[in-house]
Amino acid sequence: MTKPIVIAVDGEPQGVVVPNGNDFRFMAVKLGVFPLDGQIFDSVAAAREAARTAVESAGDLAESISEIVGDDKGNDLVA
C-alpha cells in the first residue's frame, strides 16, 4: 500500500491525496478544503493548486463575513 501525500497550503496541512490508480483522491482534514473531499485529481500538483484556491476563497469569505457581523470583541465594524 502506498502512503498518503500531505497537501499543505502556506505550511499548514489541509488534507492528503491517496494514489488511486493513475490519479489521486483528495481527503480533506481542514474545513476550508472540505469541498475538495473525495475529488479525483490527475496529479499531486493539481490537488495542491485546488487546495490553495479553496483556502484563499475560504479566507475571503471569512473576511467578508467579519466585515458584516463585526470583530471578535463584539464591536460592529464600519467599512
N, C-alpha and C. Protein backbone atom coordinates (compact mmCIF):
# COMPACT_ATOMS: atom_id res chain seq x y z
N MET A 1 0.85 -1.19 0.00
CA MET A 1 0.00 0.00 0.00
C MET A 1 0.88 1.24 0.00
N THR A 2 0.52 2.21 -0.80
CA THR A 2 1.29 3.45 -0.87
C THR A 2 0.80 4.42 0.20
N LYS A 3 1.70 5.26 0.65
CA LYS A 3 1.37 6.21 1.70
C LYS A 3 0.66 7.44 1.14
N PRO A 4 -0.23 8.05 1.95
CA PRO A 4 -0.85 9.31 1.54
C PRO A 4 0.21 10.42 1.45
N ILE A 5 -0.06 11.38 0.60
CA ILE A 5 0.83 12.53 0.41
C ILE A 5 0.13 13.75 1.00
N VAL A 6 0.79 14.41 1.93
CA VAL A 6 0.22 15.57 2.60
C VAL A 6 0.14 16.74 1.63
N ILE A 7 -1.01 17.42 1.66
CA ILE A 7 -1.22 18.63 0.87
C ILE A 7 -1.30 19.79 1.86
N ALA A 8 -0.33 20.70 1.78
CA ALA A 8 -0.27 21.85 2.68
C ALA A 8 -0.39 23.14 1.89
N VAL A 9 -0.94 24.14 2.53
CA VAL A 9 -1.01 25.49 1.96
C VAL A 9 -0.34 26.42 2.96
N ASP A 10 0.69 27.12 2.51
CA ASP A 10 1.47 28.01 3.38
C ASP A 10 1.94 27.28 4.64
N GLY A 11 2.37 26.03 4.47
CA GLY A 11 2.91 25.25 5.57
C GLY A 11 1.88 24.61 6.48
N GLU A 12 0.61 24.84 6.23
CA GLU A 12 -0.47 24.30 7.07
C GLU A 12 -1.13 23.11 6.35
N PRO A 13 -1.01 21.90 6.92
CA PRO A 13 -1.65 20.74 6.28
C PRO A 13 -3.15 20.94 6.13
N GLN A 14 -3.66 20.66 4.94
CA GLN A 14 -5.08 20.81 4.65
C GLN A 14 -5.76 19.48 4.37
N GLY A 15 -4.99 18.51 3.92
CA GLY A 15 -5.53 17.21 3.58
C GLY A 15 -4.43 16.33 3.05
N VAL A 16 -4.82 15.19 2.50
CA VAL A 16 -3.88 14.27 1.88
C VAL A 16 -4.47 13.82 0.55
N VAL A 17 -3.59 13.38 -0.34
CA VAL A 17 -4.04 12.68 -1.53
C VAL A 17 -3.55 11.25 -1.43
N VAL A 18 -4.40 10.35 -1.89
CA VAL A 18 -4.08 8.94 -1.88
C VAL A 18 -4.06 8.47 -3.33
N PRO A 19 -2.98 7.80 -3.73
CA PRO A 19 -2.95 7.28 -5.10
C PRO A 19 -4.18 6.41 -5.37
N ASN A 20 -4.76 6.60 -6.54
CA ASN A 20 -6.00 5.93 -6.92
C ASN A 20 -5.84 5.49 -8.38
N GLY A 21 -5.09 4.42 -8.61
CA GLY A 21 -4.79 4.03 -9.98
C GLY A 21 -3.79 5.01 -10.56
N ASN A 22 -4.18 5.69 -11.64
CA ASN A 22 -3.30 6.66 -12.29
C ASN A 22 -3.54 8.08 -11.81
N ASP A 23 -4.42 8.26 -10.84
CA ASP A 23 -4.70 9.61 -10.34
C ASP A 23 -4.68 9.60 -8.82
N PHE A 24 -5.20 10.68 -8.21
CA PHE A 24 -5.11 10.87 -6.76
C PHE A 24 -6.45 11.34 -6.20
N ARG A 25 -6.88 10.71 -5.11
CA ARG A 25 -8.12 11.10 -4.43
C ARG A 25 -7.76 11.98 -3.23
N PHE A 26 -8.44 13.13 -3.13
CA PHE A 26 -8.20 14.09 -2.05
C PHE A 26 -9.03 13.74 -0.83
N MET A 27 -8.41 13.79 0.34
CA MET A 27 -9.10 13.58 1.61
C MET A 27 -8.84 14.80 2.49
N ALA A 28 -9.88 15.57 2.75
CA ALA A 28 -9.75 16.83 3.48
C ALA A 28 -9.62 16.59 4.98
N VAL A 29 -8.83 17.43 5.64
CA VAL A 29 -8.73 17.40 7.10
C VAL A 29 -9.02 18.77 7.71
N LYS A 30 -9.15 19.79 6.89
CA LYS A 30 -9.46 21.15 7.37
C LYS A 30 -10.73 21.64 6.69
N LEU A 31 -11.48 22.45 7.42
CA LEU A 31 -12.77 22.94 6.95
C LEU A 31 -12.69 23.66 5.60
N GLY A 32 -11.67 24.47 5.41
CA GLY A 32 -11.56 25.27 4.20
C GLY A 32 -11.46 24.47 2.91
N VAL A 33 -11.04 23.20 3.01
CA VAL A 33 -10.91 22.37 1.81
C VAL A 33 -11.93 21.24 1.75
N PHE A 34 -12.91 21.24 2.63
CA PHE A 34 -13.93 20.19 2.61
C PHE A 34 -14.62 20.04 1.25
N PRO A 35 -14.83 21.13 0.49
CA PRO A 35 -15.44 20.94 -0.83
C PRO A 35 -14.62 20.04 -1.77
N LEU A 36 -13.34 19.86 -1.48
CA LEU A 36 -12.49 19.01 -2.31
C LEU A 36 -12.50 17.55 -1.89
N ASP A 37 -13.06 17.26 -0.73
CA ASP A 37 -13.03 15.90 -0.18
C ASP A 37 -13.62 14.90 -1.17
N GLY A 38 -12.84 13.87 -1.49
CA GLY A 38 -13.28 12.83 -2.39
C GLY A 38 -13.03 13.11 -3.87
N GLN A 39 -12.63 14.32 -4.20
CA GLN A 39 -12.38 14.64 -5.61
C GLN A 39 -11.13 13.93 -6.11
N ILE A 40 -11.14 13.63 -7.39
CA ILE A 40 -10.02 12.96 -8.04
C ILE A 40 -9.22 14.00 -8.84
N PHE A 41 -7.89 13.94 -8.70
CA PHE A 41 -7.00 14.85 -9.41
C PHE A 41 -6.01 14.05 -10.24
N ASP A 42 -5.61 14.62 -11.37
CA ASP A 42 -4.64 13.97 -12.26
C ASP A 42 -3.25 13.91 -11.66
N SER A 43 -2.94 14.89 -10.79
CA SER A 43 -1.59 14.96 -10.22
C SER A 43 -1.65 15.56 -8.82
N VAL A 44 -0.56 15.38 -8.09
CA VAL A 44 -0.43 15.98 -6.77
C VAL A 44 -0.41 17.51 -6.92
N ALA A 45 0.25 18.00 -7.95
CA ALA A 45 0.32 19.45 -8.17
C ALA A 45 -1.07 20.03 -8.39
N ALA A 46 -1.93 19.34 -9.12
CA ALA A 46 -3.29 19.82 -9.35
C ALA A 46 -4.08 19.86 -8.05
N ALA A 47 -3.88 18.87 -7.19
CA ALA A 47 -4.55 18.85 -5.89
C ALA A 47 -4.06 20.00 -5.01
N ARG A 48 -2.76 20.26 -5.04
CA ARG A 48 -2.20 21.37 -4.26
C ARG A 48 -2.78 22.71 -4.72
N GLU A 49 -2.88 22.89 -6.01
CA GLU A 49 -3.41 24.15 -6.55
C GLU A 49 -4.88 24.31 -6.17
N ALA A 50 -5.65 23.23 -6.24
CA ALA A 50 -7.06 23.28 -5.86
C ALA A 50 -7.20 23.61 -4.37
N ALA A 51 -6.33 23.03 -3.54
CA ALA A 51 -6.37 23.31 -2.10
C ALA A 51 -6.03 24.77 -1.84
N ARG A 52 -5.02 25.29 -2.51
CA ARG A 52 -4.64 26.70 -2.33
C ARG A 52 -5.81 27.61 -2.71
N THR A 53 -6.45 27.33 -3.82
CA THR A 53 -7.59 28.13 -4.26
C THR A 53 -8.73 28.05 -3.24
N ALA A 54 -9.01 26.86 -2.73
CA ALA A 54 -10.08 26.69 -1.74
C ALA A 54 -9.78 27.45 -0.46
N VAL A 55 -8.55 27.37 0.02
CA VAL A 55 -8.17 28.07 1.25
C VAL A 55 -8.27 29.57 1.06
N GLU A 56 -7.80 30.07 -0.07
CA GLU A 56 -7.88 31.51 -0.34
C GLU A 56 -9.33 31.96 -0.42
N SER A 57 -10.18 31.17 -1.06
CA SER A 57 -11.61 31.50 -1.16
C SER A 57 -12.27 31.49 0.20
N ALA A 58 -11.92 30.52 1.04
CA ALA A 58 -12.49 30.44 2.39
C ALA A 58 -12.05 31.65 3.21
N GLY A 59 -10.81 32.09 3.04
CA GLY A 59 -10.32 33.27 3.74
C GLY A 59 -11.03 34.52 3.31
N ASP A 60 -11.28 34.64 2.01
CA ASP A 60 -12.01 35.80 1.50
C ASP A 60 -13.43 35.83 2.06
N LEU A 61 -14.07 34.66 2.13
CA LEU A 61 -15.43 34.57 2.67
C LEU A 61 -15.44 34.96 4.15
N ALA A 62 -14.48 34.46 4.92
CA ALA A 62 -14.41 34.79 6.34
C ALA A 62 -14.22 36.29 6.55
N GLU A 63 -13.39 36.89 5.72
CA GLU A 63 -13.17 38.34 5.81
C GLU A 63 -14.46 39.10 5.53
N SER A 64 -15.18 38.69 4.51
CA SER A 64 -16.45 39.35 4.16
C SER A 64 -17.45 39.25 5.29
N ILE A 65 -17.53 38.09 5.90
CA ILE A 65 -18.49 37.88 6.99
C ILE A 65 -18.12 38.75 8.19
N SER A 66 -16.82 38.81 8.51
CA SER A 66 -16.42 39.62 9.67
C SER A 66 -16.69 41.10 9.44
N GLU A 67 -16.62 41.54 8.20
CA GLU A 67 -16.93 42.94 7.90
C GLU A 67 -18.41 43.24 8.12
N ILE A 68 -19.25 42.25 7.86
CA ILE A 68 -20.70 42.42 8.02
C ILE A 68 -21.11 42.28 9.48
N VAL A 69 -20.57 41.27 10.15
CA VAL A 69 -21.00 40.92 11.50
C VAL A 69 -20.31 41.75 12.58
N GLY A 70 -19.02 41.96 12.45
CA GLY A 70 -18.26 42.68 13.46
C GLY A 70 -17.02 41.91 13.83
N ASP A 71 -16.20 42.50 14.68
CA ASP A 71 -14.98 41.83 15.07
C ASP A 71 -15.24 40.84 16.20
N ASP A 72 -14.20 40.16 16.64
CA ASP A 72 -14.36 39.13 17.67
C ASP A 72 -14.51 39.70 19.07
N LYS A 73 -14.54 41.02 19.22
CA LYS A 73 -14.73 41.65 20.52
C LYS A 73 -16.16 42.18 20.67
N GLY A 74 -17.00 41.87 19.70
CA GLY A 74 -18.40 42.30 19.78
C GLY A 74 -18.65 43.68 19.22
N ASN A 75 -17.64 44.29 18.61
CA ASN A 75 -17.80 45.61 18.03
C ASN A 75 -18.25 45.51 16.58
N ASP A 76 -19.22 46.33 16.22
CA ASP A 76 -19.61 46.37 14.82
C ASP A 76 -18.48 47.03 14.04
N LEU A 77 -18.22 46.50 12.87
CA LEU A 77 -17.19 47.07 12.02
C LEU A 77 -17.81 48.05 11.05
N VAL A 78 -17.11 49.11 10.79
CA VAL A 78 -17.57 50.09 9.82
C VAL A 78 -16.66 49.98 8.61
N ALA A 79 -17.24 49.73 7.48
CA ALA A 79 -16.41 49.55 6.27
C ALA A 79 -16.20 50.89 5.60
